[in-house]
């Protein structure tokens, strides 16, 4: 359900649903032949009908906010992994989505860049953005999630508040998984 509409209903307008969702992929998926600014303004212009000046103004404001203002005219291969991931997050936010999907956004990052990206996600959450996040960053999930789902072999095995799932998991499989993170000091 999104804004009171069942988006999985076959009668739902898939394109209208997609326009309300921002996606940040694990591998960034920035177009290499476009600058950062062009990557960010593509969907606002082509899908949402914004003028070039309006799309660029929105993109530049978001880039500045995330410390990437000076990188607007760079190509993705000239950015670090953390900068590319922040650019991908800006791209998703530039369409002003109602829902943000984040797929293992720290998986391809150096450990020192993970905190930078997670800080940004925390900031976006604090502003009220609804997000669905897939992550192996258990301490982060415990801190920021309202609801946690533990998936095993593609099936939701456990669902509840962070306190319930992390503090008192009901399934042995969940307990084993979390024990590994606790033993590694990552929970």
Protein backbone atom coordinates (compact mmCIF):
# COMPACT_ATOMS: atom_id res chain seq x y z
CA UNK A 1 0.00 0.00 0.00
CA UNK A 2 1.26 3.47 -0.89
CA UNK A 3 -0.80 6.57 -0.10
CA UNK A 4 -3.88 4.39 0.41
CA UNK A 5 -3.51 2.60 -2.93
CA UNK A 6 -2.73 -1.07 -3.29
CA UNK A 7 0.22 -0.79 -5.67
CA UNK A 8 0.39 -4.53 -6.30
CA UNK A 9 -3.18 -4.55 -7.66
CA UNK A 10 -2.99 -5.52 -11.37
CA UNK A 11 -5.28 -2.57 -12.13
CA UNK A 12 -2.84 -0.08 -10.57
CA UNK A 13 -1.12 2.22 -13.06
CA UNK A 14 2.44 0.87 -12.85
CA UNK A 15 3.98 4.01 -14.34
CA UNK A 16 2.15 6.25 -11.85
CA UNK A 17 3.36 4.03 -9.01
CA UNK A 18 6.95 4.12 -10.27
CA UNK A 19 6.87 7.93 -10.41
CA UNK A 20 6.29 7.99 -6.63
CA UNK A 21 9.16 5.65 -5.77
CA UNK A 22 12.88 6.41 -5.67
CA UNK A 23 15.37 3.55 -5.92
CA UNK A 24 19.02 3.47 -4.87
CA UNK A 25 20.82 0.41 -6.17
CA UNK A 26 23.71 -1.44 -4.57
CA UNK A 27 25.92 -0.76 -7.60
CA UNK A 28 24.88 2.94 -7.99
CA UNK A 29 23.73 2.46 -11.62
CA UNK A 30 24.77 5.97 -12.63
CA UNK A 31 24.98 6.47 -16.38
CA UNK A 32 28.73 6.71 -17.12
CA UNK A 33 28.27 8.92 -20.20
CA UNK A 34 26.35 11.58 -18.24
CA UNK A 35 27.68 14.02 -15.66
CA UNK A 36 26.45 13.82 -12.09
CA UNK A 37 24.07 16.71 -12.76
CA UNK A 38 22.74 15.06 -15.94
CA UNK A 39 22.21 11.78 -14.06
CA UNK A 40 20.23 13.56 -11.37
CA UNK A 41 18.10 15.72 -13.65
CA UNK A 42 17.17 13.03 -16.17
CA UNK A 43 14.10 11.62 -14.37
CA UNK A 44 12.79 14.96 -13.05
CA UNK A 45 12.86 16.30 -16.62
CA UNK A 46 11.79 13.25 -18.64
CA UNK A 47 9.39 11.57 -16.22
CA UNK A 48 8.13 14.41 -14.05
CA UNK A 49 8.10 17.18 -16.66
CA UNK A 50 10.30 19.69 -14.85
CA UNK A 51 12.05 22.33 -16.90
CA UNK A 52 15.82 22.07 -17.17
CA UNK A 53 16.40 25.14 -14.92
CA UNK A 54 14.00 23.84 -12.26
CA UNK A 55 15.48 20.32 -12.32
CA UNK A 56 19.02 21.69 -12.16
CA UNK A 57 18.16 24.04 -9.29
CA UNK A 58 16.70 21.15 -7.29
CA UNK A 59 19.68 18.90 -8.12
CA UNK A 60 22.28 21.53 -7.23
CA UNK A 61 20.57 22.24 -3.90
CA UNK A 62 20.61 18.54 -3.01
CA UNK A 63 24.21 18.16 -4.17
CA UNK A 64 25.28 21.11 -2.02
CA UNK A 65 23.43 19.71 0.96
CA UNK A 66 25.28 16.42 0.60
CA UNK A 67 28.70 17.93 0.05
CA UNK A 68 28.83 17.22 -3.67
CA UNK A 69 28.18 20.69 -5.08
CA UNK A 70 31.60 20.85 -6.70
CA UNK A 71 31.07 17.46 -8.38
CA UNK A 72 27.97 18.37 -10.46
CA UNK A 73 29.91 18.51 -13.74
CA UNK A 74 32.07 15.45 -13.07
CA UNK A 75 31.48 12.05 -14.64
CA UNK A 76 30.79 9.15 -12.26
CA UNK A 77 34.14 7.46 -12.87
CA UNK A 78 35.88 10.54 -11.45
CA UNK A 79 34.12 10.11 -8.08
CA UNK A 80 34.93 7.89 -5.11
CA UNK A 81 32.53 5.07 -4.22
CA UNK A 82 31.00 7.11 -1.42
CA UNK A 83 30.53 10.10 -3.71
CA UNK A 84 28.92 7.91 -6.37
CA UNK A 85 26.55 6.42 -3.80
CA UNK A 86 25.63 9.88 -2.48
CA UNK A 87 25.01 10.98 -6.09
CA UNK A 88 22.73 7.96 -6.55
CA UNK A 89 20.84 8.92 -3.39
CA UNK A 90 20.51 12.51 -4.66
CA UNK A 91 19.20 11.14 -7.96
CA UNK A 92 16.51 9.19 -6.11
CA UNK A 93 15.60 12.17 -3.88
CA UNK A 94 15.45 14.62 -6.80
CA UNK A 95 12.09 13.19 -7.90
CA UNK A 96 10.66 13.86 -4.41
CA UNK A 97 9.50 10.27 -3.93
CA UNK A 98 6.86 9.14 -1.44
CA UNK A 99 8.84 5.94 -0.89
CA UNK A 100 12.57 5.31 -1.11
CA UNK A 101 13.91 1.80 -1.76
CA UNK A 102 17.53 1.23 -0.75
CA UNK A 103 19.19 -2.02 -1.82
CA UNK A 104 22.35 -2.84 0.16
CA UNK A 105 23.64 0.67 -0.45
CA UNK A 106 26.78 0.15 1.64
CA UNK A 107 27.81 -3.25 0.22
CA UNK A 108 30.22 -1.90 -2.39
CA UNK A 109 31.78 0.77 -0.17
CA UNK A 110 35.03 0.91 1.74
CA UNK A 111 34.39 0.63 5.48
CA UNK A 112 35.25 4.30 6.08
CA UNK A 113 32.61 5.42 3.56
CA UNK A 114 29.84 3.30 5.11
CA UNK A 115 29.34 5.74 7.99
CA UNK A 116 29.06 8.66 5.58
CA UNK A 117 26.28 7.02 3.57
CA UNK A 118 24.45 5.70 6.65
CA UNK A 119 24.54 9.20 8.15
CA UNK A 120 22.82 10.51 5.07
CA UNK A 121 20.12 7.82 5.26
CA UNK A 122 19.59 8.64 8.95
CA UNK A 123 19.14 12.30 7.99
CA UNK A 124 16.57 11.45 5.29
CA UNK A 125 14.69 9.23 7.75
CA UNK A 126 14.65 12.00 10.36
CA UNK A 127 12.97 14.23 7.76
CA UNK A 128 10.11 11.74 7.54
CA UNK A 129 10.93 9.78 4.38
CA UNK A 130 9.38 6.32 4.22
CA UNK A 131 12.07 3.84 3.27
CA UNK A 132 12.44 0.14 2.68
CA UNK A 133 16.05 -0.81 3.26
CA UNK A 134 17.80 -4.10 2.61
CA UNK A 135 20.98 -4.20 4.66
CA UNK A 136 23.46 -6.32 6.53
CA UNK A 137 24.32 -3.32 8.73
CA UNK A 138 22.49 -4.72 11.75
CA UNK A 139 23.47 -2.00 14.23
CA UNK A 140 22.21 0.64 11.82
CA UNK A 141 18.95 -1.25 11.19
CA UNK A 142 18.43 -1.62 14.93
CA UNK A 143 18.95 2.12 15.40
CA UNK A 144 16.82 3.57 12.58
CA UNK A 145 14.13 1.03 11.70
CA UNK A 146 10.53 1.27 12.79
CA UNK A 147 9.89 -2.29 11.58
CA UNK A 148 12.40 -5.06 10.87
CA UNK A 149 11.85 -8.10 8.66
CA UNK A 150 14.30 -10.98 8.69
CA UNK A 151 14.30 -12.83 5.38
CA UNK A 152 15.62 -16.34 4.86
CA UNK A 153 15.61 -17.93 1.40
CA UNK A 154 13.33 -15.16 0.14
CA UNK A 155 10.70 -15.68 2.84
CA UNK A 156 9.89 -13.26 5.67
CA UNK A 157 10.80 -15.42 8.64
CA UNK A 158 10.35 -12.80 11.33
CA UNK A 159 8.83 -9.33 11.54
CA UNK A 160 8.49 -6.84 14.36
CA UNK A 161 9.95 -3.78 16.01
CA UNK A 162 13.74 -3.60 16.33
CA UNK A 163 13.34 -4.36 20.03
CA UNK A 164 11.36 -7.53 19.27
CA UNK A 165 13.48 -8.88 16.42
CA UNK A 166 16.90 -7.96 17.82
CA UNK A 167 16.08 -8.32 21.50
CA UNK A 168 13.94 -11.44 21.53
CA UNK A 169 13.77 -13.16 18.13
CA UNK A 170 11.19 -15.90 17.94
CA UNK A 171 12.91 -18.01 15.29
CA UNK A 172 16.06 -20.08 15.81
CA UNK A 173 17.34 -19.08 12.35
CA UNK A 174 17.08 -15.39 13.31
CA UNK A 175 18.86 -16.04 16.62
CA UNK A 176 21.76 -17.81 14.82
CA UNK A 177 22.10 -14.97 12.32
CA UNK A 178 22.09 -12.26 14.99
CA UNK A 179 24.47 -14.22 17.23
CA UNK A 180 27.12 -14.06 14.47
CA UNK A 181 26.82 -10.27 14.31
CA UNK A 182 26.92 -9.97 18.10
CA UNK A 183 30.05 -12.15 18.29
CA UNK A 184 31.71 -9.94 15.68
CA UNK A 185 30.78 -6.82 17.69
CA UNK A 186 28.57 -5.54 14.87
CA UNK A 187 25.26 -5.48 16.69
